Amino acid sequence: MADPPRVILSGFADEAANQKTAVQQFAAFAALGLQHFSIRFIDVGGGVKNVMHLTRSEIRQVRRLQEEYGLSVSSIGSPMSPSSATWPARSRRPAAWPKPSRPS
């Protein structure tokens, strides 16, 4: 009999830390009992950077901290967020799409 499928619960660790430090991110995820995270923006001492701009030394530091906190990377997050994305012009938006609402 086949093993049941395994589900990996993950999230963007940078959203769990105000200053985006690696220690803040990893401590928050470890405290929640999570074992996987999506890496996107992180500060390992040289300021907040997108993971694609980390130096080899910074990558080694992230990996060391991952081991310390018992975490593994599940995916690499894009630096593009929905708020920075350019949506199609209103004239090209399908009629079925809801109109954007504004907070009251």
Foldseek 3Di string as FASTA:
>chain_A
DDDDDDDADEEALQVQDPQQELVSSLVSCLVVVHAEYAAAWYCPPPGIDGPVPDDPVSVVVSVVVSVVSNHDYPYYDDPDDPVNDDDDDPVPDDPPDDDDDDDD
